Every structure is written in C-alpha cells, then in structure tokens.
N, C-alpha and C. Protein backbone atom coordinates (compact mmCIF):
# COMPACT_ATOMS: atom_id res chain seq x y z
N MET A 1 -4.49 -3.77 7.51
CA MET A 1 -3.06 -3.90 7.42
C MET A 1 -2.43 -2.65 8.03
N THR A 2 -1.28 -2.85 8.63
CA THR A 2 -0.59 -1.72 9.26
C THR A 2 0.24 -0.96 8.22
N PRO A 3 0.69 0.26 8.57
CA PRO A 3 1.57 0.99 7.64
C PRO A 3 2.83 0.20 7.28
N PHE A 4 3.36 -0.57 8.23
CA PHE A 4 4.55 -1.38 7.94
C PHE A 4 4.28 -2.39 6.83
N GLY A 5 3.12 -3.01 6.88
CA GLY A 5 2.74 -3.96 5.83
C GLY A 5 2.59 -3.29 4.48
N HIS A 6 1.97 -2.12 4.47
CA HIS A 6 1.79 -1.40 3.21
C HIS A 6 3.14 -0.99 2.61
N LEU A 7 4.04 -0.51 3.45
CA LEU A 7 5.37 -0.12 2.96
C LEU A 7 6.15 -1.35 2.49
N ALA A 8 6.01 -2.46 3.19
CA ALA A 8 6.68 -3.70 2.77
C ALA A 8 6.20 -4.14 1.40
N ILE A 9 4.91 -4.08 1.18
CA ILE A 9 4.37 -4.46 -0.13
C ILE A 9 4.91 -3.53 -1.21
N ALA A 10 5.01 -2.25 -0.91
CA ALA A 10 5.56 -1.30 -1.90
C ALA A 10 7.00 -1.65 -2.24
N VAL A 11 7.80 -1.99 -1.23
CA VAL A 11 9.19 -2.38 -1.48
C VAL A 11 9.24 -3.62 -2.37
N LEU A 12 8.41 -4.61 -2.06
CA LEU A 12 8.41 -5.85 -2.83
C LEU A 12 7.92 -5.62 -4.26
N LEU A 13 6.90 -4.79 -4.43
CA LEU A 13 6.43 -4.47 -5.78
C LEU A 13 7.51 -3.73 -6.57
N ALA A 14 8.14 -2.76 -5.94
CA ALA A 14 9.19 -1.99 -6.62
C ALA A 14 10.35 -2.89 -7.00
N TYR A 15 10.71 -3.80 -6.12
CA TYR A 15 11.78 -4.74 -6.41
C TYR A 15 11.39 -5.64 -7.58
N GLY A 16 10.16 -6.14 -7.55
CA GLY A 16 9.67 -7.02 -8.62
C GLY A 16 9.62 -6.33 -9.97
N TRP A 17 9.29 -5.06 -9.97
CA TRP A 17 9.21 -4.30 -11.22
C TRP A 17 10.58 -3.76 -11.64
N GLY A 18 11.60 -3.94 -10.81
CA GLY A 18 12.93 -3.45 -11.14
C GLY A 18 13.05 -1.94 -11.10
N TYR A 19 12.31 -1.31 -10.19
CA TYR A 19 12.29 0.15 -10.10
C TYR A 19 13.63 0.71 -9.66
N THR A 20 13.92 1.91 -10.14
CA THR A 20 15.06 2.67 -9.64
C THR A 20 14.73 3.14 -8.23
N ASP A 21 15.70 3.72 -7.55
CA ASP A 21 15.45 4.23 -6.21
C ASP A 21 14.41 5.35 -6.23
N ARG A 22 14.44 6.19 -7.25
CA ARG A 22 13.44 7.27 -7.35
C ARG A 22 12.04 6.70 -7.55
N ALA A 23 11.92 5.69 -8.39
CA ALA A 23 10.62 5.06 -8.61
C ALA A 23 10.16 4.34 -7.33
N LEU A 24 11.10 3.76 -6.59
CA LEU A 24 10.76 3.14 -5.31
C LEU A 24 10.18 4.19 -4.36
N ALA A 25 10.78 5.37 -4.33
CA ALA A 25 10.27 6.44 -3.46
C ALA A 25 8.83 6.79 -3.83
N LEU A 26 8.54 6.85 -5.12
CA LEU A 26 7.16 7.12 -5.55
C LEU A 26 6.23 5.98 -5.14
N CYS A 27 6.70 4.76 -5.28
CA CYS A 27 5.89 3.60 -4.90
C CYS A 27 5.61 3.61 -3.40
N LEU A 28 6.61 3.95 -2.60
CA LEU A 28 6.41 4.06 -1.15
C LEU A 28 5.42 5.17 -0.82
N ALA A 29 5.52 6.29 -1.51
CA ALA A 29 4.57 7.38 -1.30
C ALA A 29 3.16 6.92 -1.64
N GLY A 30 3.02 6.23 -2.77
CA GLY A 30 1.71 5.73 -3.16
C GLY A 30 1.12 4.77 -2.15
N ALA A 31 1.99 4.03 -1.46
CA ALA A 31 1.53 3.05 -0.48
C ALA A 31 0.88 3.69 0.74
N VAL A 32 1.14 4.96 0.99
CA VAL A 32 0.53 5.62 2.15
C VAL A 32 -0.56 6.61 1.74
N VAL A 33 -0.69 6.90 0.45
CA VAL A 33 -1.68 7.88 -0.01
C VAL A 33 -3.11 7.54 0.42
N PRO A 34 -3.58 6.30 0.30
CA PRO A 34 -4.97 6.04 0.71
C PRO A 34 -5.27 6.47 2.15
N ASP A 35 -4.33 6.20 3.06
CA ASP A 35 -4.55 6.60 4.45
C ASP A 35 -4.41 8.11 4.63
N LEU A 36 -3.53 8.73 3.85
CA LEU A 36 -3.38 10.19 3.94
C LEU A 36 -4.61 10.92 3.42
N ILE A 37 -5.39 10.26 2.60
CA ILE A 37 -6.65 10.83 2.12
C ILE A 37 -7.78 10.52 3.10
N ASP A 38 -7.95 9.25 3.41
CA ASP A 38 -9.15 8.82 4.15
C ASP A 38 -9.13 9.13 5.65
N LYS A 39 -7.99 9.02 6.30
CA LYS A 39 -7.97 9.26 7.75
C LYS A 39 -8.31 10.71 8.09
N PRO A 40 -7.74 11.71 7.40
CA PRO A 40 -8.16 13.10 7.68
C PRO A 40 -9.62 13.37 7.32
N LEU A 41 -10.11 12.75 6.23
CA LEU A 41 -11.53 12.92 5.88
C LEU A 41 -12.43 12.37 6.98
N LEU A 42 -12.04 11.24 7.56
CA LEU A 42 -12.80 10.67 8.67
C LEU A 42 -12.74 11.60 9.89
N ALA A 43 -11.54 12.07 10.22
CA ALA A 43 -11.37 12.94 11.39
C ALA A 43 -12.17 14.24 11.24
N ALA A 44 -12.28 14.73 10.01
CA ALA A 44 -13.02 15.98 9.76
C ALA A 44 -14.52 15.74 9.64
N GLY A 45 -14.94 14.48 9.68
CA GLY A 45 -16.36 14.17 9.59
C GLY A 45 -16.92 14.22 8.18
N VAL A 46 -16.04 14.24 7.18
CA VAL A 46 -16.48 14.29 5.78
C VAL A 46 -17.01 12.93 5.33
N VAL A 47 -16.36 11.86 5.78
CA VAL A 47 -16.79 10.49 5.46
C VAL A 47 -17.00 9.73 6.77
N PRO A 48 -17.87 8.71 6.77
CA PRO A 48 -18.16 8.00 8.01
C PRO A 48 -17.20 6.86 8.35
N VAL A 49 -16.29 6.52 7.44
CA VAL A 49 -15.38 5.39 7.65
C VAL A 49 -13.97 5.76 7.20
N SER A 50 -13.01 4.94 7.63
CA SER A 50 -11.61 5.22 7.28
C SER A 50 -11.17 4.56 5.98
N HIS A 51 -12.08 3.90 5.29
CA HIS A 51 -11.78 3.28 4.00
C HIS A 51 -12.87 3.67 3.01
N SER A 52 -12.64 4.75 2.27
CA SER A 52 -13.64 5.18 1.29
C SER A 52 -12.95 5.75 0.06
N VAL A 53 -12.76 7.04 -0.01
CA VAL A 53 -12.24 7.70 -1.21
C VAL A 53 -10.87 7.16 -1.61
N GLY A 54 -9.90 7.24 -0.73
CA GLY A 54 -8.54 6.80 -1.04
C GLY A 54 -8.39 5.30 -1.19
N HIS A 55 -9.29 4.55 -0.57
CA HIS A 55 -9.23 3.09 -0.63
C HIS A 55 -10.14 2.51 -1.70
N SER A 56 -10.76 3.34 -2.50
CA SER A 56 -11.68 2.86 -3.52
C SER A 56 -10.93 2.18 -4.66
N ALA A 57 -11.29 0.94 -4.93
CA ALA A 57 -10.70 0.23 -6.07
C ALA A 57 -11.06 0.94 -7.37
N LEU A 58 -12.20 1.60 -7.39
CA LEU A 58 -12.61 2.35 -8.58
C LEU A 58 -11.71 3.56 -8.81
N VAL A 59 -11.35 4.26 -7.74
CA VAL A 59 -10.47 5.42 -7.86
C VAL A 59 -9.10 5.00 -8.36
N VAL A 60 -8.51 3.97 -7.75
CA VAL A 60 -7.17 3.55 -8.15
C VAL A 60 -7.18 2.96 -9.56
N THR A 61 -8.26 2.30 -9.94
CA THR A 61 -8.37 1.79 -11.32
C THR A 61 -8.44 2.95 -12.30
N GLY A 62 -9.20 3.98 -11.96
CA GLY A 62 -9.27 5.17 -12.81
C GLY A 62 -7.91 5.83 -12.97
N LEU A 63 -7.14 5.89 -11.88
CA LEU A 63 -5.79 6.45 -11.96
C LEU A 63 -4.89 5.60 -12.85
N ALA A 64 -4.99 4.29 -12.72
CA ALA A 64 -4.18 3.40 -13.55
C ALA A 64 -4.52 3.56 -15.02
N VAL A 65 -5.79 3.67 -15.33
CA VAL A 65 -6.21 3.87 -16.72
C VAL A 65 -5.67 5.20 -17.24
N ALA A 66 -5.73 6.24 -16.42
CA ALA A 66 -5.22 7.55 -16.83
C ALA A 66 -3.72 7.49 -17.11
N VAL A 67 -2.97 6.80 -16.25
CA VAL A 67 -1.52 6.68 -16.44
C VAL A 67 -1.21 5.92 -17.73
N LEU A 68 -2.00 4.90 -18.02
CA LEU A 68 -1.78 4.14 -19.25
C LEU A 68 -2.22 4.91 -20.49
N ALA A 69 -3.27 5.69 -20.36
CA ALA A 69 -3.84 6.39 -21.52
C ALA A 69 -3.08 7.66 -21.89
N PHE A 70 -2.47 8.30 -20.92
CA PHE A 70 -1.81 9.58 -21.18
C PHE A 70 -0.31 9.46 -20.90
N PRO A 71 0.50 9.42 -21.95
CA PRO A 71 1.95 9.23 -21.79
C PRO A 71 2.61 10.24 -20.83
N ARG A 72 2.08 11.44 -20.75
CA ARG A 72 2.68 12.44 -19.86
C ARG A 72 2.52 12.05 -18.39
N LEU A 73 1.59 11.16 -18.10
CA LEU A 73 1.37 10.73 -16.71
C LEU A 73 2.18 9.49 -16.35
N ARG A 74 2.85 8.89 -17.32
CA ARG A 74 3.57 7.63 -17.07
C ARG A 74 4.60 7.71 -15.94
N PRO A 75 5.27 8.86 -15.75
CA PRO A 75 6.20 8.91 -14.62
C PRO A 75 5.52 8.68 -13.26
N ALA A 76 4.20 8.85 -13.20
CA ALA A 76 3.47 8.62 -11.95
C ALA A 76 3.08 7.16 -11.76
N ALA A 77 3.44 6.30 -12.69
CA ALA A 77 3.05 4.88 -12.60
C ALA A 77 3.48 4.24 -11.28
N PRO A 78 4.71 4.44 -10.79
CA PRO A 78 5.08 3.82 -9.52
C PRO A 78 4.21 4.28 -8.35
N LEU A 79 3.77 5.52 -8.37
CA LEU A 79 2.86 6.02 -7.34
C LEU A 79 1.56 5.23 -7.36
N VAL A 80 1.03 5.01 -8.56
CA VAL A 80 -0.22 4.26 -8.71
C VAL A 80 -0.02 2.80 -8.32
N VAL A 81 1.14 2.24 -8.63
CA VAL A 81 1.44 0.85 -8.23
C VAL A 81 1.43 0.73 -6.71
N GLY A 82 2.07 1.67 -6.02
CA GLY A 82 2.06 1.65 -4.56
C GLY A 82 0.66 1.80 -3.99
N TRP A 83 -0.11 2.71 -4.59
CA TRP A 83 -1.50 2.93 -4.17
C TRP A 83 -2.32 1.66 -4.37
N ALA A 84 -2.18 1.05 -5.55
CA ALA A 84 -2.93 -0.17 -5.85
C ALA A 84 -2.51 -1.31 -4.92
N GLY A 85 -1.22 -1.37 -4.59
CA GLY A 85 -0.76 -2.39 -3.65
C GLY A 85 -1.41 -2.22 -2.28
N HIS A 86 -1.56 -0.98 -1.84
CA HIS A 86 -2.22 -0.69 -0.56
C HIS A 86 -3.67 -1.16 -0.59
N VAL A 87 -4.40 -0.76 -1.63
CA VAL A 87 -5.81 -1.12 -1.74
C VAL A 87 -5.97 -2.64 -1.87
N GLY A 88 -5.13 -3.26 -2.69
CA GLY A 88 -5.20 -4.71 -2.85
C GLY A 88 -4.93 -5.45 -1.55
N ALA A 89 -3.93 -4.99 -0.80
CA ALA A 89 -3.61 -5.64 0.47
C ALA A 89 -4.76 -5.48 1.46
N ASP A 90 -5.34 -4.29 1.51
CA ASP A 90 -6.47 -4.09 2.42
C ASP A 90 -7.67 -4.94 2.01
N LEU A 91 -7.86 -5.14 0.73
CA LEU A 91 -8.94 -6.01 0.27
C LEU A 91 -8.74 -7.44 0.76
N ILE A 92 -7.50 -7.89 0.78
CA ILE A 92 -7.19 -9.25 1.22
C ILE A 92 -7.50 -9.42 2.71
N VAL A 93 -7.20 -8.40 3.51
CA VAL A 93 -7.39 -8.53 4.96
C VAL A 93 -8.76 -8.03 5.43
N ALA A 94 -9.57 -7.49 4.54
CA ALA A 94 -10.88 -6.95 4.93
C ALA A 94 -11.85 -8.08 5.29
N TYR A 95 -12.64 -7.82 6.31
CA TYR A 95 -13.74 -8.74 6.58
C TYR A 95 -14.66 -8.72 5.38
N PRO A 96 -15.24 -9.86 5.01
CA PRO A 96 -16.09 -9.89 3.80
C PRO A 96 -17.18 -8.82 3.77
N LYS A 97 -17.78 -8.52 4.92
CA LYS A 97 -18.86 -7.53 4.89
C LYS A 97 -18.35 -6.11 4.67
N PHE A 98 -17.04 -5.88 4.80
CA PHE A 98 -16.50 -4.54 4.59
C PHE A 98 -15.91 -4.34 3.19
N VAL A 99 -15.94 -5.37 2.36
CA VAL A 99 -15.42 -5.26 1.00
C VAL A 99 -16.18 -4.19 0.22
N VAL A 100 -17.43 -3.94 0.60
CA VAL A 100 -18.22 -2.90 -0.09
C VAL A 100 -17.55 -1.54 0.00
N ASN A 101 -16.75 -1.30 1.05
CA ASN A 101 -16.09 0.00 1.20
C ASN A 101 -15.13 0.30 0.05
N TYR A 102 -14.63 -0.73 -0.58
CA TYR A 102 -13.66 -0.54 -1.65
C TYR A 102 -14.33 -0.26 -2.99
N ALA A 103 -15.65 -0.28 -3.01
CA ALA A 103 -16.42 0.05 -4.22
C ALA A 103 -17.05 1.44 -4.09
N TRP A 104 -16.53 2.25 -3.17
CA TRP A 104 -17.02 3.62 -3.05
C TRP A 104 -16.75 4.33 -4.38
N PRO A 105 -17.60 5.12 -4.91
CA PRO A 105 -18.86 5.65 -4.42
C PRO A 105 -20.09 4.86 -4.89
N ILE A 106 -19.88 3.72 -5.56
CA ILE A 106 -21.01 2.96 -6.09
C ILE A 106 -21.81 2.29 -4.97
N LEU A 107 -21.11 1.68 -4.01
CA LEU A 107 -21.78 1.01 -2.90
C LEU A 107 -21.62 1.83 -1.62
N GLU A 108 -22.61 1.75 -0.75
CA GLU A 108 -22.57 2.48 0.51
C GLU A 108 -21.53 1.84 1.44
N VAL A 109 -20.73 2.68 2.09
CA VAL A 109 -19.66 2.18 2.97
C VAL A 109 -20.23 1.76 4.32
N ARG A 110 -19.50 0.85 4.98
CA ARG A 110 -19.87 0.36 6.31
C ARG A 110 -18.76 0.70 7.29
N PRO A 111 -19.12 1.05 8.51
CA PRO A 111 -18.09 1.34 9.52
C PRO A 111 -17.23 0.11 9.81
N THR A 112 -15.93 0.32 10.02
CA THR A 112 -15.01 -0.76 10.34
C THR A 112 -14.15 -0.35 11.52
N PRO A 113 -13.65 -1.26 12.28
CA PRO A 113 -14.18 -2.60 12.50
C PRO A 113 -15.33 -2.55 13.51
N ASP A 114 -16.02 -3.67 13.66
CA ASP A 114 -17.10 -3.76 14.65
C ASP A 114 -16.53 -3.90 16.06
N ASP A 115 -15.42 -4.59 16.17
CA ASP A 115 -14.81 -4.87 17.47
C ASP A 115 -14.13 -3.62 18.02
N PRO A 116 -13.92 -3.57 19.35
CA PRO A 116 -13.10 -2.48 19.90
C PRO A 116 -11.73 -2.48 19.23
N PHE A 117 -11.15 -1.31 19.08
CA PHE A 117 -9.92 -1.11 18.33
C PHE A 117 -8.80 -2.06 18.77
N VAL A 118 -8.50 -2.09 20.06
CA VAL A 118 -7.39 -2.92 20.55
C VAL A 118 -7.68 -4.40 20.32
N ALA A 119 -8.89 -4.83 20.60
CA ALA A 119 -9.26 -6.24 20.39
C ALA A 119 -9.12 -6.63 18.92
N TYR A 120 -9.54 -5.73 18.04
CA TYR A 120 -9.44 -5.99 16.60
C TYR A 120 -7.98 -6.22 16.19
N TRP A 121 -7.08 -5.33 16.61
CA TRP A 121 -5.68 -5.44 16.20
C TRP A 121 -4.97 -6.61 16.87
N LEU A 122 -5.34 -6.94 18.10
CA LEU A 122 -4.74 -8.12 18.74
C LEU A 122 -5.15 -9.39 18.02
N GLU A 123 -6.42 -9.48 17.66
CA GLU A 123 -6.90 -10.65 16.92
C GLU A 123 -6.20 -10.74 15.55
N TYR A 124 -6.06 -9.60 14.89
CA TYR A 124 -5.39 -9.55 13.59
C TYR A 124 -3.94 -10.02 13.72
N ALA A 125 -3.21 -9.45 14.67
CA ALA A 125 -1.79 -9.76 14.83
C ALA A 125 -1.55 -11.22 15.17
N ALA A 126 -2.45 -11.82 15.94
CA ALA A 126 -2.27 -13.20 16.37
C ALA A 126 -2.77 -14.22 15.34
N GLY A 127 -3.44 -13.75 14.31
CA GLY A 127 -4.03 -14.66 13.33
C GLY A 127 -3.17 -14.85 12.09
N PRO A 128 -3.68 -15.58 11.12
CA PRO A 128 -2.93 -15.87 9.90
C PRO A 128 -2.61 -14.62 9.08
N LEU A 129 -3.49 -13.62 9.10
CA LEU A 129 -3.21 -12.41 8.33
C LEU A 129 -2.09 -11.60 8.97
N GLY A 130 -2.03 -11.61 10.29
CA GLY A 130 -0.91 -10.96 10.97
C GLY A 130 0.41 -11.65 10.64
N PHE A 131 0.37 -12.98 10.59
CA PHE A 131 1.56 -13.73 10.21
C PHE A 131 1.97 -13.42 8.77
N LEU A 132 0.98 -13.35 7.87
CA LEU A 132 1.26 -13.00 6.48
C LEU A 132 1.92 -11.63 6.39
N GLU A 133 1.35 -10.66 7.10
CA GLU A 133 1.93 -9.32 7.06
C GLU A 133 3.35 -9.31 7.62
N ALA A 134 3.57 -9.99 8.74
CA ALA A 134 4.91 -10.06 9.31
C ALA A 134 5.89 -10.69 8.33
N SER A 135 5.45 -11.70 7.60
CA SER A 135 6.30 -12.35 6.60
C SER A 135 6.65 -11.38 5.47
N LEU A 136 5.69 -10.57 5.06
CA LEU A 136 5.95 -9.57 4.01
C LEU A 136 6.95 -8.53 4.50
N VAL A 137 6.82 -8.12 5.75
CA VAL A 137 7.76 -7.14 6.31
C VAL A 137 9.16 -7.72 6.36
N VAL A 138 9.29 -8.97 6.78
CA VAL A 138 10.60 -9.62 6.82
C VAL A 138 11.18 -9.72 5.40
N ALA A 139 10.36 -10.10 4.44
CA ALA A 139 10.83 -10.19 3.05
C ALA A 139 11.30 -8.83 2.54
N ALA A 140 10.58 -7.77 2.87
CA ALA A 140 10.98 -6.43 2.44
C ALA A 140 12.28 -6.01 3.10
N ILE A 141 12.46 -6.37 4.36
CA ILE A 141 13.72 -6.06 5.05
C ILE A 141 14.87 -6.77 4.37
N VAL A 142 14.67 -8.02 3.98
CA VAL A 142 15.72 -8.77 3.27
C VAL A 142 16.04 -8.09 1.95
N VAL A 143 15.01 -7.67 1.21
CA VAL A 143 15.23 -6.97 -0.06
C VAL A 143 16.02 -5.69 0.18
N CYS A 144 15.63 -4.91 1.18
CA CYS A 144 16.34 -3.66 1.47
C CYS A 144 17.78 -3.93 1.86
N TYR A 145 17.99 -4.95 2.67
CA TYR A 145 19.34 -5.30 3.08
C TYR A 145 20.20 -5.67 1.88
N THR A 146 19.68 -6.54 1.02
CA THR A 146 20.48 -6.99 -0.12
C THR A 146 20.68 -5.88 -1.15
N ARG A 147 19.78 -4.92 -1.18
CA ARG A 147 19.91 -3.86 -2.17
C ARG A 147 20.76 -2.69 -1.68
N TRP A 148 20.65 -2.33 -0.40
CA TRP A 148 21.31 -1.10 0.06
C TRP A 148 22.33 -1.29 1.17
N VAL A 149 22.24 -2.33 1.96
CA VAL A 149 23.10 -2.45 3.14
C VAL A 149 24.26 -3.41 2.92
N ARG A 150 23.99 -4.54 2.30
CA ARG A 150 25.01 -5.56 2.11
C ARG A 150 26.20 -4.97 1.36
N PRO A 151 27.41 -5.25 1.83
CA PRO A 151 28.58 -4.75 1.11
C PRO A 151 28.59 -5.23 -0.34
N ASP A 152 28.88 -4.32 -1.23
CA ASP A 152 28.94 -4.64 -2.66
C ASP A 152 30.31 -5.22 -2.97
N THR A 153 30.34 -6.41 -3.51
CA THR A 153 31.61 -7.08 -3.79
C THR A 153 32.08 -6.88 -5.22
N SER A 154 31.33 -6.11 -6.01
CA SER A 154 31.72 -5.93 -7.41
C SER A 154 32.75 -4.83 -7.59
N GLY A 155 33.10 -4.13 -6.51
CA GLY A 155 34.07 -3.06 -6.62
C GLY A 155 33.44 -1.71 -6.89
N THR A 156 32.12 -1.64 -6.97
CA THR A 156 31.45 -0.35 -7.16
C THR A 156 30.82 0.07 -5.85
N ASP A 157 30.47 1.32 -5.76
CA ASP A 157 29.85 1.87 -4.56
C ASP A 157 28.42 1.36 -4.43
N ALA A 158 28.10 0.69 -3.34
CA ALA A 158 26.76 0.10 -3.14
C ALA A 158 25.69 1.15 -2.88
N THR A 159 26.10 2.38 -2.61
CA THR A 159 25.09 3.40 -2.30
C THR A 159 24.64 4.17 -3.54
N THR A 160 25.22 3.89 -4.69
CA THR A 160 24.79 4.60 -5.90
C THR A 160 23.43 4.10 -6.34
N GLU A 161 22.72 4.97 -7.06
CA GLU A 161 21.38 4.60 -7.52
C GLU A 161 21.48 3.53 -8.59
N ARG A 162 20.60 2.57 -8.48
CA ARG A 162 20.54 1.51 -9.47
C ARG A 162 19.51 1.86 -10.51
N GLY A 163 19.76 1.50 -11.73
CA GLY A 163 18.85 1.86 -12.82
C GLY A 163 17.90 0.81 -13.20
C-alpha cells in the first residue's frame, strides 16, 4: 500500500472513532511509523526487508496491550490505532508468501517483492487492490472535505477543533 492509502485509512479510522483533531494527528503519525522504522533499517542494512520490526503484528499488538494495561499510556491510543491500521492494510495487500514478514521476530522474513519495483507497482495500481486503495483515498478526501472544508451552516466557525 502507498503512503496515501495508509493516511487515508488513518483518516477513516479517526473519523469512525470520533477522534478530535489532535487525536487524528496522532493517528496520522501512527500510520507512517512502520515505514519510518523499517525503511531506514533496510537502508542501513540492519534488516533484509522493508517489512519487519515496524510492520510486525506482534509489535503493534504488544503496543496495544500496553496502552490498554497502563492508563498513563492511553493518550497514545490513536497513535497505536494508526499503526495498527497500517499493518492491517499491508496484511490485506501482501502476497500470501510474504505474510510471514508480519510475524517478525517469530518467523523468518522474506524479501519483497519478487518482481521489479516498477512492474510490481504498476500491477498493483491496475488491479483490484489498487482500486480498493484509490476508493479509500477518495473516501478519506470526502471525510476531510465534510469535516474541514465544507462551509459550516450552523453559524459556528468550521475551523475550530471538534471534540
């Protein structure tokens, strides 16, 4: 999934949970955290693939348990929701043989994708998963428009933070 898809999912999750604008910002940040962890680790040669530590379903589950178990961590819940949305979305679009990467460190990771980079993304964009992602992006744009851009007819300022 592209960064646009991950951010769209974060917007839709935040909208569904009724998040404030601040919580939405945390959710959006969480949606990019897996790539901010794994891509530099790959570039530095620390890990052999771009989906390992940050994309681990075990890591994000551990974070979710910690947020639920420790009340002082609850303000970080939207960050974990965005992170989980990223991992969940990538699991949906992953080739079946690469699902093992999301069980790091229990299962050994596999390099992704097998195809040349451009061919992989062209096939993705032209297929049903590309259409699904584009639909999610459009839905997120509609949510953003109705929440922040559309003129507010109630007589209040539409740019104020919603609770």
